[in-house]
Amino acid sequence: MSHVRLLARSGSVFYVPYMSTAPELPPDLPRPEDDGACAHLAGTKSPDIALGSTKGITVNLSELAGRTIVYCYPRMGQPGGTVPESWNAIPGARGCTNQSCSFRDHFSELVTAGADHLFGLSTQDVDYQREAVDRLHLPFSLLSDEELKFANALNLPRFEYDRATLIKRLTLVIDNGTITHVLYPVFPPDRSAEQTVEWLRLNPASSTVG
């Protein structure tokens, strides 16, 4: 097992095992369309809501200084489970593990491109998310919006599956508590972090804030 040395701008160093931990995505996944469901978000203040995190603390995105990246995803599967064809058939649903591994593998590039904070967010509970953090060796926390308070406050796009309400895949760029950009729809999921890095490099925080 090899390791990748990730240096954050704060000077902290992370040593993250680099491994193929995400299953290969089917080549024929349906592409999600931009339905305009995120058009209202740019310029919106992040809601004053404390979210549980896999670090065992609560995180209020409205209070974080600097540039925060939050990638929202429907739900993470567990290893060994069978993915139903009905899940694959939903545009944009499949690939949450792949997306998280993408942000893990490009973590240092995100920091260099200007990200001060990085989180994943879903409606799954913290205990479920913590297993994913440990298994995938994620160098960042996952946030739980289990009660949909954050999603409802921002009217994030959602869908129903297996009697659960899930957030559609999207990435929020939040500068000093205000949403300045949304990447939506996100496809393919395993290129989500690369697409975010590309946007950050073209849009430094100083040009989008104030």
C-alpha atoms as a PDB file:
ATOM      1  CA  MET A   1       0.000   0.000   0.000  1.00  0.00           C
ATOM      2  CA  SER A   2       1.442   3.358  -1.009  1.00  0.00           C
ATOM      3  CA  HIS A   3       0.721   6.677   0.690  1.00  0.00           C
ATOM      4  CA  VAL A   4       0.050  10.154  -0.618  1.00  0.00           C
ATOM      5  CA  ARG A   5       1.436  13.108   1.358  1.00  0.00           C
ATOM      6  CA  LEU A   6      -1.206  15.839   1.554  1.00  0.00           C
ATOM      7  CA  LEU A   7      -0.123  19.239   2.814  1.00  0.00           C
ATOM      8  CA  ALA A   8      -2.844  21.626   3.920  1.00  0.00           C
ATOM      9  CA  ARG A   9      -2.335  25.372   3.815  1.00  0.00           C
ATOM     10  CA  SER A  10      -2.367  25.453   7.596  1.00  0.00           C
ATOM     11  CA  GLY A  11       0.830  23.419   7.542  1.00  0.00           C
ATOM     12  CA  SER A  12      -0.818  20.179   8.642  1.00  0.00           C
ATOM     13  CA  VAL A  13       0.312  17.058   6.849  1.00  0.00           C
ATOM     14  CA  PHE A  14      -1.928  14.114   6.058  1.00  0.00           C
ATOM     15  CA  TYR A  15      -0.667  10.701   4.998  1.00  0.00           C
ATOM     16  CA  VAL A  16      -3.545   9.039   3.190  1.00  0.00           C
ATOM     17  CA  PRO A  17      -3.443   5.496   1.807  1.00  0.00           C
ATOM     18  CA  TYR A  18      -3.991   5.662  -1.930  1.00  0.00           C
ATOM     19  CA  MET A  19      -6.014   2.666  -3.022  1.00  0.00           C
ATOM     20  CA  SER A  20      -8.760   1.724  -5.381  1.00  0.00           C
ATOM     21  CA  THR A  21     -11.680   1.514  -2.941  1.00  0.00           C
ATOM     22  CA  ALA A  22     -14.538   2.411  -5.255  1.00  0.00           C
ATOM     23  CA  PRO A  23     -16.191  -0.086  -7.600  1.00  0.00           C
ATOM     24  CA  GLU A  24     -15.989   0.627 -11.290  1.00  0.00           C
ATOM     25  CA  LEU A  25     -18.982   2.561 -12.553  1.00  0.00           C
ATOM     26  CA  PRO A  26     -21.181   1.101 -15.294  1.00  0.00           C
ATOM     27  CA  PRO A  27     -20.441   2.793 -18.627  1.00  0.00           C
ATOM     28  CA  ASP A  28     -24.087   3.403 -19.448  1.00  0.00           C
ATOM     29  CA  LEU A  29     -25.227   5.398 -16.423  1.00  0.00           C
ATOM     30  CA  PRO A  30     -27.870   7.997 -17.361  1.00  0.00           C
ATOM     31  CA  ARG A  31     -26.635  11.590 -17.341  1.00  0.00           C
ATOM     32  CA  PRO A  32     -28.594  13.989 -15.101  1.00  0.00           C
ATOM     33  CA  GLU A  33     -29.983  17.120 -16.739  1.00  0.00           C
ATOM     34  CA  ASP A  34     -29.824  20.652 -15.376  1.00  0.00           C
ATOM     35  CA  ASP A  35     -33.408  21.196 -14.260  1.00  0.00           C
ATOM     36  CA  GLY A  36     -32.674  24.621 -12.771  1.00  0.00           C
ATOM     37  CA  ALA A  37     -33.224  23.342  -9.237  1.00  0.00           C
ATOM     38  CA  CYS A  38     -30.097  25.124  -7.953  1.00  0.00           C
ATOM     39  CA  ALA A  39     -30.523  28.416  -9.822  1.00  0.00           C
ATOM     40  CA  HIS A  40     -31.709  30.207  -6.667  1.00  0.00           C
ATOM     41  CA  LEU A  41     -28.724  29.328  -4.492  1.00  0.00           C
ATOM     42  CA  ALA A  42     -25.945  31.726  -5.573  1.00  0.00           C
ATOM     43  CA  GLY A  43     -25.845  34.673  -3.191  1.00  0.00           C
ATOM     44  CA  THR A  44     -27.817  32.834  -0.499  1.00  0.00           C
ATOM     45  CA  LYS A  45     -26.547  32.821   3.061  1.00  0.00           C
ATOM     46  CA  SER A  46     -25.863  29.358   4.401  1.00  0.00           C
ATOM     47  CA  PRO A  47     -28.530  28.547   7.027  1.00  0.00           C
ATOM     48  CA  ASP A  48     -27.645  28.826  10.704  1.00  0.00           C
ATOM     49  CA  ILE A  49     -27.843  25.092  11.331  1.00  0.00           C
ATOM     50  CA  ALA A  50     -25.489  22.839  13.299  1.00  0.00           C
ATOM     51  CA  LEU A  51     -24.784  19.602  11.449  1.00  0.00           C
ATOM     52  CA  GLY A  52     -23.379  16.474  13.028  1.00  0.00           C
ATOM     53  CA  SER A  53     -19.986  15.435  11.698  1.00  0.00           C
ATOM     54  CA  THR A  54     -17.899  12.291  11.657  1.00  0.00           C
ATOM     55  CA  LYS A  55     -15.352  14.057  13.885  1.00  0.00           C
ATOM     56  CA  GLY A  56     -17.835  13.947  16.730  1.00  0.00           C
ATOM     57  CA  ILE A  57     -18.534  17.683  16.697  1.00  0.00           C
ATOM     58  CA  THR A  58     -21.167  19.880  15.087  1.00  0.00           C
ATOM     59  CA  VAL A  59     -20.368  22.136  12.144  1.00  0.00           C
ATOM     60  CA  ASN A  60     -22.253  25.315  11.272  1.00  0.00           C
ATOM     61  CA  LEU A  61     -21.354  26.187   7.687  1.00  0.00           C
ATOM     62  CA  SER A  62     -22.643  29.741   8.079  1.00  0.00           C
ATOM     63  CA  GLU A  63     -19.949  30.460  10.668  1.00  0.00           C
ATOM     64  CA  LEU A  64     -16.886  29.210   8.774  1.00  0.00           C
ATOM     65  CA  ALA A  65     -14.420  31.814   7.548  1.00  0.00           C
ATOM     66  CA  GLY A  66     -12.805  31.516   4.152  1.00  0.00           C
ATOM     67  CA  ARG A  67     -13.831  29.233   1.279  1.00  0.00           C
ATOM     68  CA  THR A  68     -15.743  26.058   2.072  1.00  0.00           C
ATOM     69  CA  ILE A  69     -16.488  23.265  -0.386  1.00  0.00           C
ATOM     70  CA  VAL A  70     -19.431  20.971   0.379  1.00  0.00           C
ATOM     71  CA  TYR A  71     -20.209  18.141  -1.995  1.00  0.00           C
ATOM     72  CA  CYS A  72     -23.679  16.754  -1.420  1.00  0.00           C
ATOM     73  CA  TYR A  73     -24.461  13.198  -2.437  1.00  0.00           C
ATOM     74  CA  PRO A  74     -27.514  10.920  -2.165  1.00  0.00           C
ATOM     75  CA  ARG A  75     -26.183   8.018  -0.112  1.00  0.00           C
ATOM     76  CA  MET A  76     -23.076   5.888   0.268  1.00  0.00           C
ATOM     77  CA  GLY A  77     -23.278   2.135  -0.100  1.00  0.00           C
ATOM     78  CA  GLN A  78     -21.380  -0.445   1.929  1.00  0.00           C
ATOM     79  CA  PRO A  79     -18.885  -2.945   0.504  1.00  0.00           C
ATOM     80  CA  GLY A  80     -20.290  -6.243  -0.642  1.00  0.00           C
ATOM     81  CA  GLY A  81     -23.782  -4.909  -1.211  1.00  0.00           C
ATOM     82  CA  THR A  82     -25.606  -5.404  -4.488  1.00  0.00           C
ATOM     83  CA  VAL A  83     -26.542  -2.203  -6.309  1.00  0.00           C
ATOM     84  CA  PRO A  84     -30.133  -2.466  -7.570  1.00  0.00           C
ATOM     85  CA  GLU A  85     -30.719  -1.705 -11.232  1.00  0.00           C
ATOM     86  CA  SER A  86     -33.433   0.696 -10.120  1.00  0.00           C
ATOM     87  CA  TRP A  87     -30.712   2.794  -8.421  1.00  0.00           C
ATOM     88  CA  ASN A  88     -28.504   2.753 -11.505  1.00  0.00           C
ATOM     89  CA  ALA A  89     -31.468   3.910 -13.581  1.00  0.00           C
ATOM     90  CA  ILE A  90     -31.863   7.175 -11.630  1.00  0.00           C
ATOM     91  CA  PRO A  91     -29.847   9.912 -13.388  1.00  0.00           C
ATOM     92  CA  GLY A  92     -27.034  11.018 -11.082  1.00  0.00           C
ATOM     93  CA  ALA A  93     -27.740   8.573  -8.253  1.00  0.00           C
ATOM     94  CA  ARG A  94     -24.915   6.040  -8.636  1.00  0.00           C
ATOM     95  CA  GLY A  95     -21.330   6.849  -7.697  1.00  0.00           C
ATOM     96  CA  CYS A  96     -21.230   8.320  -4.184  1.00  0.00           C
ATOM     97  CA  THR A  97     -18.259   6.227  -3.104  1.00  0.00           C
ATOM     98  CA  ASN A  98     -16.489   7.125  -6.345  1.00  0.00           C
ATOM     99  CA  GLN A  99     -17.149  10.804  -5.728  1.00  0.00           C
ATOM    100  CA  SER A 100     -15.792  10.658  -2.185  1.00  0.00           C
ATOM    101  CA  CYS A 101     -12.661   8.858  -3.363  1.00  0.00           C
ATOM    102  CA  SER A 102     -12.272  11.576  -5.990  1.00  0.00           C
ATOM    103  CA  PHE A 103     -12.216  14.271  -3.308  1.00  0.00           C
ATOM    104  CA  ARG A 104      -9.815  12.174  -1.245  1.00  0.00           C
ATOM    105  CA  ASP A 105      -7.401  11.701  -4.109  1.00  0.00           C
ATOM    106  CA  HIS A 106      -7.511  15.386  -5.130  1.00  0.00           C
ATOM    107  CA  PHE A 107      -7.513  16.800  -1.612  1.00  0.00           C
ATOM    108  CA  SER A 108      -4.135  18.517  -1.868  1.00  0.00           C
ATOM    109  CA  GLU A 109      -5.089  20.091  -5.200  1.00  0.00           C
ATOM    110  CA  LEU A 110      -8.289  21.453  -3.691  1.00  0.00           C
ATOM    111  CA  VAL A 111      -6.357  23.023  -0.830  1.00  0.00           C
ATOM    112  CA  THR A 112      -3.810  24.525  -3.212  1.00  0.00           C
ATOM    113  CA  ALA A 113      -6.641  25.881  -5.377  1.00  0.00           C
ATOM    114  CA  GLY A 114      -8.111  27.760  -2.424  1.00  0.00           C
ATOM    115  CA  ALA A 115     -10.337  25.459  -0.371  1.00  0.00           C
ATOM    116  CA  ASP A 116     -10.074  26.259   3.348  1.00  0.00           C
ATOM    117  CA  HIS A 117     -12.621  23.632   4.384  1.00  0.00           C
ATOM    118  CA  LEU A 118     -13.960  20.515   2.664  1.00  0.00           C
ATOM    119  CA  PHE A 119     -16.939  18.375   3.649  1.00  0.00           C
ATOM    120  CA  GLY A 120     -19.173  15.742   2.164  1.00  0.00           C
ATOM    121  CA  LEU A 121     -22.862  15.917   3.122  1.00  0.00           C
ATOM    122  CA  SER A 122     -25.745  13.472   2.927  1.00  0.00           C
ATOM    123  CA  THR A 123     -28.905  12.539   4.822  1.00  0.00           C
ATOM    124  CA  GLN A 124     -27.297   9.387   6.226  1.00  0.00           C
ATOM    125  CA  ASP A 125     -26.625   9.285   9.951  1.00  0.00           C
ATOM    126  CA  VAL A 126     -23.199  10.034  11.427  1.00  0.00           C
ATOM    127  CA  ASP A 127     -22.452   6.458  12.469  1.00  0.00           C
ATOM    128  CA  TYR A 128     -23.046   5.206   8.930  1.00  0.00           C
ATOM    129  CA  GLN A 129     -20.910   8.020   7.529  1.00  0.00           C
ATOM    130  CA  ARG A 130     -18.097   7.355  10.021  1.00  0.00           C
ATOM    131  CA  GLU A 131     -17.721   3.815   8.675  1.00  0.00           C
ATOM    132  CA  ALA A 132     -17.242   5.280   5.197  1.00  0.00           C
ATOM    133  CA  VAL A 133     -14.654   7.783   6.413  1.00  0.00           C
ATOM    134  CA  ASP A 134     -12.633   5.027   8.064  1.00  0.00           C
ATOM    135  CA  ARG A 135     -12.968   2.560   5.208  1.00  0.00           C
ATOM    136  CA  LEU A 136     -12.147   5.060   2.460  1.00  0.00           C
ATOM    137  CA  HIS A 137      -9.481   6.889   4.496  1.00  0.00           C
ATOM    138  CA  LEU A 138     -11.056  10.278   3.854  1.00  0.00           C
ATOM    139  CA  PRO A 139      -8.921  13.204   5.104  1.00  0.00           C
ATOM    140  CA  PHE A 140     -12.024  15.311   5.731  1.00  0.00           C
ATOM    141  CA  SER A 141     -15.309  14.989   7.598  1.00  0.00           C
ATOM    142  CA  LEU A 142     -18.734  13.995   6.366  1.00  0.00           C
ATOM    143  CA  LEU A 143     -21.736  15.962   7.606  1.00  0.00           C
ATOM    144  CA  SER A 144     -25.160  14.510   8.367  1.00  0.00           C
ATOM    145  CA  ASP A 145     -28.377  16.287   7.419  1.00  0.00           C
ATOM    146  CA  GLU A 146     -30.413  13.360   8.672  1.00  0.00           C
ATOM    147  CA  GLU A 147     -33.386  15.551   9.571  1.00  0.00           C
ATOM    148  CA  LEU A 148     -33.200  17.455   6.238  1.00  0.00           C
ATOM    149  CA  LYS A 149     -33.006  20.803   8.024  1.00  0.00           C
ATOM    150  CA  PHE A 150     -30.163  22.070   5.826  1.00  0.00           C
ATOM    151  CA  ALA A 151     -31.695  20.733   2.609  1.00  0.00           C
ATOM    152  CA  ASN A 152     -35.109  22.172   3.418  1.00  0.00           C
ATOM    153  CA  ALA A 153     -33.732  25.563   4.442  1.00  0.00           C
ATOM    154  CA  LEU A 154     -31.933  25.926   1.108  1.00  0.00           C
ATOM    155  CA  ASN A 155     -34.557  24.056  -0.924  1.00  0.00           C
ATOM    156  CA  LEU A 156     -31.897  21.755  -2.305  1.00  0.00           C
ATOM    157  CA  PRO A 157     -33.010  19.359  -5.056  1.00  0.00           C
ATOM    158  CA  ARG A 158     -34.069  16.017  -3.602  1.00  0.00           C
ATOM    159  CA  PHE A 159     -35.611  12.740  -4.689  1.00  0.00           C
ATOM    160  CA  GLU A 160     -37.346   9.806  -3.044  1.00  0.00           C
ATOM    161  CA  TYR A 161     -35.964   6.281  -3.059  1.00  0.00           C
ATOM    162  CA  ASP A 162     -36.738   3.266  -0.919  1.00  0.00           C
ATOM    163  CA  ARG A 163     -38.862   5.372   1.463  1.00  0.00           C
ATOM    164  CA  ALA A 164     -36.026   7.855   2.029  1.00  0.00           C
ATOM    165  CA  THR A 165     -35.566  11.464   0.932  1.00  0.00           C
ATOM    166  CA  LEU A 166     -32.121  11.957  -0.594  1.00  0.00           C
ATOM    167  CA  ILE A 167     -30.226  15.029  -1.786  1.00  0.00           C
ATOM    168  CA  LYS A 168     -29.277  15.142  -5.447  1.00  0.00           C
ATOM    169  CA  ARG A 169     -25.578  15.313  -6.220  1.00  0.00           C
ATOM    170  CA  LEU A 170     -24.246  18.884  -6.190  1.00  0.00           C
ATOM    171  CA  THR A 171     -21.279  20.877  -4.915  1.00  0.00           C
ATOM    172  CA  LEU A 172     -21.582  24.136  -2.974  1.00  0.00           C
ATOM    173  CA  VAL A 173     -18.882  26.792  -2.894  1.00  0.00           C
ATOM    174  CA  ILE A 174     -19.411  28.860   0.249  1.00  0.00           C
ATOM    175  CA  ASP A 175     -17.365  31.998   0.892  1.00  0.00           C
ATOM    176  CA  ASN A 176     -17.527  33.335   4.448  1.00  0.00           C
ATOM    177  CA  GLY A 177     -20.938  31.790   4.970  1.00  0.00           C
ATOM    178  CA  THR A 178     -22.507  32.799   1.642  1.00  0.00           C
ATOM    179  CA  ILE A 179     -23.021  30.444  -1.302  1.00  0.00           C
ATOM    180  CA  THR A 180     -21.202  31.926  -4.287  1.00  0.00           C
ATOM    181  CA  HIS A 181     -21.398  29.046  -6.756  1.00  0.00           C
ATOM    182  CA  VAL A 182     -23.047  25.656  -7.248  1.00  0.00           C
ATOM    183  CA  LEU A 183     -21.797  22.866  -9.478  1.00  0.00           C
ATOM    184  CA  TYR A 184     -24.969  21.096 -10.618  1.00  0.00           C
ATOM    185  CA  PRO A 185     -25.609  18.629 -12.014  1.00  0.00           C
ATOM    186  CA  VAL A 186     -22.437  16.712 -11.208  1.00  0.00           C
ATOM    187  CA  PHE A 187     -21.463  14.038 -13.725  1.00  0.00           C
ATOM    188  CA  PRO A 188     -19.607  11.790 -13.884  1.00  0.00           C
ATOM    189  CA  PRO A 189     -19.317  11.471 -10.108  1.00  0.00           C
ATOM    190  CA  ASP A 190     -15.735  10.201 -10.165  1.00  0.00           C
ATOM    191  CA  ARG A 191     -14.625  13.477 -11.805  1.00  0.00           C
ATOM    192  CA  SER A 192     -16.422  15.683  -9.289  1.00  0.00           C
ATOM    193  CA  ALA A 193     -13.274  16.775  -7.451  1.00  0.00           C
ATOM    194  CA  GLU A 194     -11.411  17.479 -10.704  1.00  0.00           C
ATOM    195  CA  GLN A 195     -14.273  19.661 -11.908  1.00  0.00           C
ATOM    196  CA  THR A 196     -14.259  21.497  -8.588  1.00  0.00           C
ATOM    197  CA  VAL A 197     -10.498  22.081  -8.765  1.00  0.00           C
ATOM    198  CA  GLU A 198     -10.860  23.446 -12.296  1.00  0.00           C
ATOM    199  CA  TRP A 199     -13.523  25.918 -11.161  1.00  0.00           C
ATOM    200  CA  LEU A 200     -11.524  27.011  -8.103  1.00  0.00           C
ATOM    201  CA  ARG A 201      -8.451  27.719 -10.205  1.00  0.00           C
ATOM    202  CA  LEU A 202     -10.477  29.901 -12.560  1.00  0.00           C
ATOM    203  CA  ASN A 203     -12.346  31.665  -9.744  1.00  0.00           C
ATOM    204  CA  PRO A 204     -10.101  32.586  -6.800  1.00  0.00           C
ATOM    205  CA  ALA A 205     -11.947  33.675  -3.692  1.00  0.00           C
ATOM    206  CA  SER A 206     -10.888  37.304  -4.020  1.00  0.00           C
ATOM    207  CA  SER A 207     -12.742  37.563  -7.356  1.00  0.00           C
ATOM    208  CA  THR A 208     -16.040  36.124  -6.082  1.00  0.00           C
ATOM    209  CA  VAL A 209     -16.332  37.674  -2.618  1.00  0.00           C
ATOM    210  CA  GLY A 210     -17.337  41.197  -1.779  1.00  0.00           C
END
